[in-house]
Protein backbone atom coordinates (compact mmCIF):
# COMPACT_ATOMS: atom_id res chain seq x y z
CA UNK A 1 0.00 0.00 0.00
CA UNK A 2 1.42 3.40 -0.97
CA UNK A 3 2.47 5.52 1.98
CA UNK A 4 0.06 8.30 1.00
CA UNK A 5 -2.90 5.92 0.89
CA UNK A 6 -1.91 4.41 4.23
CA UNK A 7 -1.71 7.86 5.80
CA UNK A 8 -5.16 8.80 4.44
CA UNK A 9 -6.60 5.56 5.81
CA UNK A 10 -5.13 6.26 9.25
CA UNK A 11 -6.57 9.78 9.23
CA UNK A 12 -10.03 8.52 8.27
CA UNK A 13 -9.98 5.82 10.95
CA UNK A 14 -8.83 8.29 13.57
CA UNK A 15 -11.63 10.67 12.62
CA UNK A 16 -14.20 7.90 12.91
CA UNK A 17 -12.88 6.81 16.30
CA UNK A 18 -12.86 10.41 17.53
CA UNK A 19 -16.45 10.92 16.42
CA UNK A 20 -17.59 7.70 18.07
CA UNK A 21 -15.80 8.56 21.32
CA UNK A 22 -17.32 12.07 21.37
CA UNK A 23 -20.81 10.66 20.78
CA UNK A 24 -20.28 8.07 23.49
CA UNK A 25 -19.06 10.72 25.92
CA UNK A 26 -22.04 12.93 25.18
CA UNK A 27 -24.41 10.00 25.61
CA UNK A 28 -22.77 9.04 28.88
CA UNK A 29 -23.03 12.59 30.17
CA UNK A 30 -26.73 12.67 29.36
CA UNK A 31 -27.52 9.21 30.66
CA UNK A 32 -25.54 9.80 33.83
CA UNK A 33 -27.67 12.80 34.80
CA UNK A 34 -31.08 14.29 34.34
CA UNK A 35 -30.80 17.39 32.13
CA UNK A 36 -33.31 20.06 33.04
CA UNK A 37 -34.61 22.70 30.65
CA UNK A 38 -36.17 25.95 31.87
CA UNK A 39 -39.04 27.10 29.66
CA UNK A 40 -39.80 30.78 30.23
CA UNK A 41 -43.23 31.70 28.86
CA UNK A 42 -45.49 34.71 29.10
CA UNK A 43 -47.65 32.63 31.46
CA UNK A 44 -44.79 31.67 33.80
CA UNK A 45 -41.88 29.27 34.16
CA UNK A 46 -41.90 25.53 33.48
CA UNK A 47 -39.01 23.14 34.13
CA UNK A 48 -38.77 19.96 32.08
CA UNK A 49 -36.50 17.10 33.08
CA UNK A 50 -35.30 15.10 30.08
CA UNK A 51 -35.25 11.30 30.09
CA UNK A 52 -31.80 11.09 28.54
CA UNK A 53 -31.36 7.39 29.28
CA UNK A 54 -34.67 6.15 27.94
CA UNK A 55 -34.92 8.62 25.04
CA UNK A 56 -31.32 9.60 24.18
CA UNK A 57 -31.98 10.57 20.56
CA UNK A 58 -34.97 12.74 21.45
CA UNK A 59 -33.18 14.33 24.42
CA UNK A 60 -30.10 15.23 22.37
CA UNK A 61 -32.35 16.51 19.57
CA UNK A 62 -34.25 18.82 21.93
CA UNK A 63 -31.08 20.02 23.66
CA UNK A 64 -29.56 21.00 20.31
CA UNK A 65 -32.65 23.07 19.44
CA UNK A 66 -32.57 24.66 22.90
CA UNK A 67 -28.88 25.52 22.52
CA UNK A 68 -29.55 27.05 19.09
CA UNK A 69 -32.32 29.27 20.52
CA UNK A 70 -34.79 27.65 18.16
CA UNK A 71 -37.80 27.93 20.48
CA UNK A 72 -37.48 31.62 21.33
CA UNK A 73 -40.52 33.47 20.01
CA UNK A 74 -42.62 30.36 19.35
CA UNK A 75 -46.15 29.94 20.70
CA UNK A 76 -48.38 27.29 22.16
CA UNK A 77 -50.65 27.03 19.14
CA UNK A 78 -52.78 24.05 20.25
CA UNK A 79 -54.48 23.95 23.64
CA UNK A 80 -57.09 21.30 24.37
CA UNK A 81 -58.30 21.19 27.96
CA UNK A 82 -58.03 17.72 29.45
CA UNK A 83 -55.74 16.54 26.65
CA UNK A 84 -52.56 18.45 25.71
CA UNK A 85 -50.91 21.82 25.19
CA UNK A 86 -48.67 21.87 22.11
CA UNK A 87 -46.06 24.28 20.83
CA UNK A 88 -42.63 24.71 19.32
CA UNK A 89 -43.60 24.92 15.68
CA UNK A 90 -45.01 28.39 14.95
CA UNK A 91 -44.19 32.02 15.64
CA UNK A 92 -46.69 34.54 16.98
CA UNK A 93 -47.89 35.35 13.44
CA UNK A 94 -48.31 31.60 12.76
CA UNK A 95 -45.28 31.40 10.49
CA UNK A 96 -44.13 27.75 10.59
CA UNK A 97 -40.67 27.25 12.04
CA UNK A 98 -38.31 25.44 9.69
CA UNK A 99 -34.78 24.08 9.76
CA UNK A 100 -35.16 21.45 12.48
CA UNK A 101 -34.09 17.92 11.63
CA UNK A 102 -36.40 14.98 12.17
CA UNK A 103 -35.66 12.37 14.82
CA UNK A 104 -36.20 8.62 15.01
CA UNK A 105 -39.36 7.63 16.88
CA UNK A 106 -38.44 6.39 20.38
CA UNK A 107 -41.99 5.70 21.53
CA UNK A 108 -41.02 2.11 22.37
CA UNK A 109 -38.83 3.28 25.27
CA UNK A 110 -41.27 2.10 27.94
CA UNK A 111 -42.49 5.55 29.00
CA UNK A 112 -46.20 6.30 28.81
CA UNK A 113 -48.01 9.51 27.91
CA UNK A 114 -49.13 10.22 31.47
CA UNK A 115 -50.12 13.59 32.92
CA UNK A 116 -47.13 15.91 33.09
CA UNK A 117 -45.01 14.01 30.59
CA UNK A 118 -43.62 15.74 27.50
CA UNK A 119 -43.60 14.08 24.08
CA UNK A 120 -42.72 14.88 20.47
CA UNK A 121 -45.54 15.78 18.10
CA UNK A 122 -45.48 14.41 14.56
CA UNK A 123 -47.52 13.74 11.44
CA UNK A 124 -48.80 10.31 10.42
CA UNK A 125 -45.23 9.47 9.45
CA UNK A 126 -43.89 7.88 12.67
CA UNK A 127 -40.41 9.36 12.18
CA UNK A 128 -41.48 12.90 11.20
CA UNK A 129 -41.08 14.59 14.61
CA UNK A 130 -38.95 17.72 14.40
CA UNK A 131 -39.39 20.60 16.87
CA UNK A 132 -42.98 20.46 18.07
CA UNK A 133 -43.69 19.00 21.49
CA UNK A 134 -46.71 18.62 23.71
CA UNK A 135 -47.34 18.34 27.44
CA UNK A 136 -49.96 15.81 28.52
CA UNK A 137 -52.72 17.27 30.69
CA UNK A 138 -54.15 13.84 31.49
CA UNK A 139 -53.20 10.19 31.26
CA UNK A 140 -53.23 9.74 27.48
CA UNK A 141 -52.14 6.12 27.18
CA UNK A 142 -53.91 5.92 23.83
CA UNK A 143 -50.92 7.85 22.45
CA UNK A 144 -48.56 5.04 23.47
CA UNK A 145 -47.32 2.50 20.90
CA UNK A 146 -49.20 -0.70 20.16
CA UNK A 147 -48.29 -3.86 18.32
CA UNK A 148 -49.69 -2.55 15.04
CA UNK A 149 -48.59 1.10 15.20
CA UNK A 150 -46.01 3.56 16.49
CA UNK A 151 -46.81 5.86 19.38
CA UNK A 152 -45.77 9.38 20.39
CA UNK A 153 -42.34 9.39 21.99
CA UNK A 154 -42.16 10.65 25.57
CA UNK A 155 -38.80 12.30 26.28
CA UNK A 156 -39.32 14.16 29.55
CA UNK A 157 -41.53 15.29 32.38
CA UNK A 158 -42.58 18.59 33.92
CA UNK A 159 -41.02 18.75 37.38
CA UNK A 160 -41.82 22.39 38.16
CA UNK A 161 -44.60 24.64 36.95
CA UNK A 162 -47.39 22.17 36.28
CA UNK A 163 -49.67 24.86 37.67
CA UNK A 164 -48.48 27.10 34.80
CA UNK A 165 -49.28 24.30 32.36
CA UNK A 166 -52.77 24.05 33.84
CA UNK A 167 -53.17 27.84 33.55
CA UNK A 168 -52.27 27.64 29.87
CA UNK A 169 -54.72 24.76 29.47
CA UNK A 170 -57.48 26.94 30.95
CA UNK A 171 -56.93 29.69 28.36
CA UNK A 172 -59.89 30.56 26.15
CA UNK A 173 -59.33 29.30 22.62
CA UNK A 174 -60.69 29.73 19.13
CA UNK A 175 -59.56 29.84 15.50
CA UNK A 176 -56.21 31.39 14.64
CA UNK A 177 -53.99 31.51 11.57
CA UNK A 178 -54.37 28.27 9.60
CA UNK A 179 -56.03 26.51 12.55
CA UNK A 180 -59.79 26.27 12.82
CA UNK A 181 -59.87 25.84 16.62
CA UNK A 182 -57.89 25.32 19.86
CA UNK A 183 -55.64 28.37 19.48
CA UNK A 184 -55.37 30.57 22.62
CA UNK A 185 -57.09 33.89 21.96
CA UNK A 186 -54.28 35.61 23.89
CA UNK A 187 -50.98 34.31 22.47
CA UNK A 188 -48.82 32.39 24.93
CA UNK A 189 -45.22 32.93 23.93
CA UNK A 190 -42.07 30.97 24.70
CA UNK A 191 -39.67 33.75 25.65
CA UNK A 192 -36.70 31.42 26.00
CA UNK A 193 -35.62 27.86 26.70
CA UNK A 194 -32.28 27.07 28.29
CA UNK A 195 -30.43 24.14 29.76
CA UNK A 196 -30.00 24.56 33.51
CA UNK A 197 -26.53 24.03 34.91
CA UNK A 198 -26.01 22.06 38.11
CA UNK A 199 -25.47 25.39 39.87
CA UNK A 200 -28.79 26.68 38.51
CA UNK A 201 -30.59 23.55 39.67
CA UNK A 202 -29.07 23.75 43.15
CA UNK A 203 -29.90 27.46 43.44
CA UNK A 204 -33.53 26.93 42.42
CA UNK A 205 -33.90 24.04 44.86
CA UNK A 206 -32.38 26.13 47.67
CA UNK A 207 -34.64 29.10 46.92
CA UNK A 208 -37.73 26.88 46.87
CA UNK A 209 -36.70 25.22 50.13
CA UNK A 210 -36.14 28.58 51.83
CA UNK A 211 -39.51 29.83 50.61
CA UNK A 212 -41.21 26.72 51.98
CA UNK A 213 -39.46 27.05 55.33
CA UNK A 214 -40.37 30.74 55.54
CA UNK A 215 -44.02 30.03 54.87
CA UNK A 216 -44.02 27.19 57.39
CA UNK A 217 -42.44 29.41 60.03
CA UNK A 218 -44.99 32.13 59.33
CA UNK A 219 -47.85 29.69 59.83
CA UNK A 220 -46.34 28.24 63.00
CA UNK A 221 -45.83 31.70 64.51
CA UNK A 222 -49.41 32.82 63.99
CA UNK A 223 -51.00 33.55 67.36
CA UNK A 224 -54.33 32.00 68.26
CA UNK A 225 -56.98 33.98 70.16
CA UNK A 226 -57.93 32.99 73.73
CA UNK A 227 -60.16 29.89 73.94
CA UNK A 228 -63.13 32.01 75.02
CA UNK A 229 -63.03 34.14 71.86
CA UNK A 230 -64.13 33.26 68.36
CA UNK A 231 -62.20 30.19 67.14
CA UNK A 232 -59.74 30.32 64.26
CA UNK A 233 -60.37 28.95 60.83
CA UNK A 234 -59.05 25.42 60.48
CA UNK A 235 -56.27 24.90 57.94
CA UNK A 236 -58.38 22.03 56.68
CA UNK A 237 -61.56 24.07 56.38
CA UNK A 238 -64.29 23.13 53.97
CA UNK A 239 -63.56 24.17 50.41
CA UNK A 240 -66.77 26.18 50.18
CA UNK A 241 -66.67 29.69 51.58
CA UNK A 242 -68.09 29.87 55.09
CA UNK A 243 -69.75 33.14 54.11
CA UNK A 244 -72.20 31.15 52.00
CA UNK A 245 -73.46 29.28 55.05
CA UNK A 246 -75.66 30.62 57.87
CA UNK A 247 -73.47 31.48 60.85
CA UNK A 248 -75.64 29.39 63.15
CA UNK A 249 -75.64 26.29 60.97
CA UNK A 250 -73.87 23.12 61.97
CA UNK A 251 -72.07 23.16 58.63
CA UNK A 252 -70.53 26.53 59.38
CA UNK A 253 -69.41 25.44 62.85
CA UNK A 254 -67.95 22.25 61.38
CA UNK A 255 -65.73 24.41 59.16
CA UNK A 256 -64.05 25.87 62.25
CA UNK A 257 -62.08 24.46 65.14
CA UNK A 258 -60.14 26.03 68.00
CA UNK A 259 -56.47 26.76 67.28
CA UNK A 260 -53.93 24.48 68.88
CA UNK A 261 -50.15 24.48 68.71
CA UNK A 262 -48.82 22.42 65.86
CA UNK A 263 -47.30 19.13 66.96
CA UNK A 264 -44.27 17.57 65.31
CA UNK A 265 -46.36 15.38 63.00
CA UNK A 266 -48.55 18.34 62.07
CA UNK A 267 -45.54 20.50 61.27
CA UNK A 268 -44.07 17.78 59.08
CA UNK A 269 -47.35 17.32 57.26
CA UNK A 270 -47.71 21.06 56.79
CA UNK A 271 -44.15 21.36 55.52
CA UNK A 272 -44.82 18.58 53.02
CA UNK A 273 -47.99 20.35 51.88
CA UNK A 274 -46.10 23.61 51.33
CA UNK A 275 -43.23 22.00 49.48
CA UNK A 276 -45.66 20.05 47.32
CA UNK A 277 -47.47 23.26 46.46
CA UNK A 278 -44.27 25.11 45.61
CA UNK A 279 -42.44 22.28 43.88
CA UNK A 280 -45.25 20.49 42.08
CA UNK A 281 -45.57 17.94 40.70
CA UNK A 282 -43.45 15.59 42.78
CA UNK A 283 -40.06 14.81 41.28
CA UNK A 284 -40.84 11.20 40.41
CA UNK A 285 -38.20 9.95 38.02
CA UNK A 286 -39.32 8.72 34.65
CA UNK A 287 -36.23 6.57 34.54
CA UNK A 288 -35.09 3.72 36.72
């Protein structure tokens, strides 16, 4: 073999090995952690945790689009209460976003389209998903794969801001642009999407924890009136306003109870309630 040909062969092989090692390192970095993406919208913040181990192709695909700033200025163009909110494919004037590659359908990864999960939208072509994604508002197992058809690939889960998702889902909708229905009448814009660093994640967790502790301390320090005076409202009062009930009715009195100091078990339960409210939904891993 001529020396020049041998040298070219070595260069090609080295390039291939370098590419494989870089891809393996990137895959290991993703699978070893749980990448989190902050979605800043005009309705509030949502944090999505990517299932990099179960859906590595989809996770890397989304992260590339996030890094490129692809989603900035896109809208949630499809909102169906009790089903999904969908976005990532159109600008505020309904111009379709272009330039995103398609990704192989990973719907057979064992993850189901349950409430709070995030999946890739597509056409009837199972491998046509590009940039559009949707967040499940309910348990939509009918979107999962079956023996005779592909499903919609779940690649992540909302771990913070599900209340924002529900607010978006409650938006009034109607026709808009090329769509005959289900478009929010007030546009809901994605202002930015960014990958959170480990420092960002730790800082957000610390801030949320401090807020929960502060609220708990505030509740614990509230002073109760003397037993002979009008009793305090129970923290577990009836959901209906007591103003709608006659003050002398048994129902109204049942909505109240005298204040007592919070015991250890009560404080723990209250702390859990506060943290659940601030950091909802619970951070249940999609991946084993």
